[in-house]
Amino acid sequence: MRVSVCAVGRLRAGPERELVDDYLKRFDRTGRPLGLGPCDLREVDDRKGGGMSAEAALLRKSITDGAVICCLDERGKVMTSPAFAERLAGWRDEGRPEVAFVIGGADGIDPGLRADADAALSFGKMVWPHMLARVMLTEQLYRAATILAGSPYHRA
């Protein structure tokens, strides 16, 4: 099952970019034998300043037809890492071709796109900058793959 991170904004060179690239490499290496991956980062930029609705239109274009849509949202479900790994494996085992994790811009995700999503995931009650959300998501994807592979990376 392919995995995509569909996000508003461009991640520039720097520590966040290095972390995202590192975790994506690790995920691809660990996830491929498990039927997970590759994972690609799809960045969209609302240069016309149309707000959340314009961002949602761009995000929708970046999502492959038939993909599971999982929005990262403060109102989403808070999960443990093992539960997240199980959910990812469940989508894979259902035969879903792709899961698209959607990260909105500074104002969040358009309510219409949020309503159309198959799932919503929260990293807690706090709001995180969307650049850090990418790092946290890619780390959790790698962690999920290691959990499913039985690797000692996740110690619980």
Protein backbone atom coordinates (compact mmCIF):
# COMPACT_ATOMS: atom_id res chain seq x y z
CA MET A 1 0.00 0.00 0.00
CA ARG A 2 1.40 3.34 -1.03
CA VAL A 3 1.53 6.12 1.53
CA SER A 4 1.48 9.83 0.82
CA VAL A 5 1.83 12.90 2.98
CA CYS A 6 -0.20 15.67 1.33
CA ALA A 7 0.68 18.96 2.95
CA VAL A 8 0.16 22.67 2.49
CA GLY A 9 3.41 24.60 2.16
CA ARG A 10 6.91 23.79 1.06
CA LEU A 11 9.39 22.31 3.47
CA ARG A 12 12.65 24.19 2.98
CA ALA A 13 16.14 22.88 3.59
CA GLY A 14 16.88 22.67 7.29
CA PRO A 15 16.50 20.41 10.30
CA GLU A 16 12.81 19.61 9.71
CA ARG A 17 13.50 18.62 6.10
CA GLU A 18 16.44 16.46 7.15
CA LEU A 19 14.31 14.65 9.72
CA VAL A 20 11.42 14.09 7.28
CA ASP A 21 13.79 12.76 4.62
CA ASP A 22 15.50 10.48 7.14
CA TYR A 23 12.24 9.03 8.49
CA LEU A 24 10.85 8.55 4.97
CA LYS A 25 13.97 6.60 3.98
CA ARG A 26 13.71 4.48 7.11
CA PHE A 27 9.99 3.87 6.53
CA ASP A 28 10.53 2.83 2.93
CA ARG A 29 13.34 0.45 3.91
CA THR A 30 11.37 -1.11 6.78
CA GLY A 31 7.88 -0.93 5.31
CA ARG A 32 8.45 -2.34 1.82
CA PRO A 33 8.84 -5.97 2.97
CA LEU A 34 5.58 -5.48 4.92
CA GLY A 35 3.64 -4.20 1.91
CA LEU A 36 3.85 -0.58 3.08
CA GLY A 37 5.31 2.11 0.89
CA PRO A 38 6.76 3.83 -0.83
CA CYS A 39 5.88 7.05 0.94
CA ASP A 40 6.00 10.29 -0.93
CA LEU A 41 5.61 13.90 0.14
CA ARG A 42 3.15 15.92 -1.96
CA GLU A 43 3.37 19.61 -1.20
CA VAL A 44 0.82 22.17 -2.40
CA ASP A 45 1.07 25.93 -2.23
CA ASP A 46 -1.86 28.35 -2.36
CA ARG A 47 -0.05 31.24 -4.00
CA LYS A 48 -3.27 33.17 -4.64
CA GLY A 49 -4.16 33.29 -0.96
CA GLY A 50 -7.58 31.66 -1.29
CA GLY A 51 -7.61 30.36 2.28
CA MET A 52 -8.67 26.94 3.50
CA SER A 53 -11.06 26.25 0.60
CA ALA A 54 -8.35 26.93 -2.00
CA GLU A 55 -5.90 24.80 -0.02
CA ALA A 56 -8.51 22.02 0.14
CA ALA A 57 -8.93 22.09 -3.65
CA LEU A 58 -5.16 21.76 -4.11
CA LEU A 59 -4.95 19.00 -1.50
CA ARG A 60 -7.80 17.07 -3.18
CA LYS A 61 -5.89 17.20 -6.48
CA SER A 62 -2.85 15.68 -4.75
CA ILE A 63 -4.83 12.72 -3.39
CA THR A 64 -5.04 9.63 -5.60
CA ASP A 65 -8.55 8.30 -6.37
CA GLY A 66 -9.43 5.45 -4.04
CA ALA A 67 -6.95 6.47 -1.36
CA VAL A 68 -7.89 6.38 2.29
CA ILE A 69 -7.92 10.01 3.43
CA CYS A 70 -6.63 10.59 6.96
CA CYS A 71 -6.58 14.21 8.10
CA LEU A 72 -4.24 15.36 10.82
CA ASP A 73 -6.48 17.47 13.00
CA GLU A 74 -6.61 18.47 16.66
CA ARG A 75 -10.19 17.10 16.79
CA GLY A 76 -9.07 13.72 15.47
CA LYS A 77 -8.52 10.49 17.32
CA VAL A 78 -5.57 10.28 19.69
CA MET A 79 -3.94 6.87 19.24
CA THR A 80 -1.08 4.96 20.73
CA SER A 81 1.72 4.05 18.34
CA PRO A 82 0.74 0.33 18.36
CA ALA A 83 -2.89 1.27 17.59
CA PHE A 84 -1.70 3.48 14.73
CA ALA A 85 0.41 0.58 13.39
CA GLU A 86 -2.64 -1.70 13.58
CA ARG A 87 -4.80 0.85 11.72
CA LEU A 88 -2.18 1.20 8.98
CA ALA A 89 -1.92 -2.59 8.66
CA GLY A 90 -5.72 -2.83 8.62
CA TRP A 91 -5.98 -0.50 5.63
CA ARG A 92 -3.26 -2.49 3.90
CA ASP A 93 -4.99 -5.79 4.66
CA GLU A 94 -8.31 -4.42 3.36
CA GLY A 95 -6.57 -4.01 0.01
CA ARG A 96 -6.61 -0.23 0.00
CA PRO A 97 -4.13 0.95 -2.66
CA GLU A 98 -3.01 4.08 -0.81
CA VAL A 99 -3.44 6.12 2.33
CA ALA A 100 -3.09 9.89 2.09
CA PHE A 101 -2.27 11.74 5.29
CA VAL A 102 -3.43 15.34 4.92
CA ILE A 103 -1.78 18.22 6.76
CA GLY A 104 -3.41 21.63 6.40
CA GLY A 105 -1.91 25.07 6.50
CA ALA A 106 -1.83 27.64 9.29
CA ASP A 107 -5.64 27.75 9.55
CA GLY A 108 -6.11 23.99 9.52
CA ILE A 109 -8.07 21.81 7.10
CA ASP A 110 -11.20 22.96 5.31
CA PRO A 111 -14.32 21.54 7.03
CA GLY A 112 -15.53 20.01 3.75
CA LEU A 113 -12.32 18.06 3.24
CA ARG A 114 -12.31 17.07 6.90
CA ALA A 115 -15.89 15.76 6.54
CA ASP A 116 -14.94 13.70 3.47
CA ALA A 117 -11.98 12.06 5.23
CA ASP A 118 -12.08 8.40 6.20
CA ALA A 119 -10.24 9.13 9.44
CA ALA A 120 -8.81 11.97 11.50
CA LEU A 121 -5.68 11.64 13.60
CA SER A 122 -4.57 13.94 16.40
CA PHE A 123 -1.15 14.26 17.98
CA GLY A 124 -2.81 15.53 21.14
CA LYS A 125 -4.88 18.47 22.24
CA MET A 126 -2.16 20.98 21.43
CA VAL A 127 -1.86 22.50 17.98
CA TRP A 128 1.46 21.79 16.25
CA PRO A 129 3.11 23.81 13.48
CA HIS A 130 2.45 22.03 10.20
CA MET A 131 6.18 21.63 9.56
CA LEU A 132 6.62 19.78 12.86
CA ALA A 133 3.49 17.73 12.16
CA ARG A 134 5.29 16.35 9.09
CA VAL A 135 8.23 15.29 11.22
CA MET A 136 5.98 13.71 13.82
CA LEU A 137 3.92 11.89 11.19
CA THR A 138 6.91 10.50 9.31
CA GLU A 139 8.46 9.33 12.58
CA GLN A 140 5.20 7.58 13.51
CA LEU A 141 5.03 5.94 10.08
CA TYR A 142 8.54 4.59 10.60
CA ARG A 143 7.65 3.54 14.16
CA ALA A 144 4.52 1.76 12.86
CA ALA A 145 6.59 -0.17 10.33
CA THR A 146 9.07 -1.22 13.04
CA ILE A 147 6.22 -2.33 15.30
CA LEU A 148 4.73 -4.44 12.51
CA ALA A 149 8.19 -5.86 11.70
CA GLY A 150 8.82 -6.78 15.33
CA SER A 151 11.83 -4.47 15.55
CA PRO A 152 13.01 -3.25 18.96
CA TYR A 153 12.80 0.46 17.91
CA HIS A 154 9.48 0.87 19.74
CA ARG A 155 9.86 0.10 23.42
CA ALA A 156 6.59 0.11 25.29
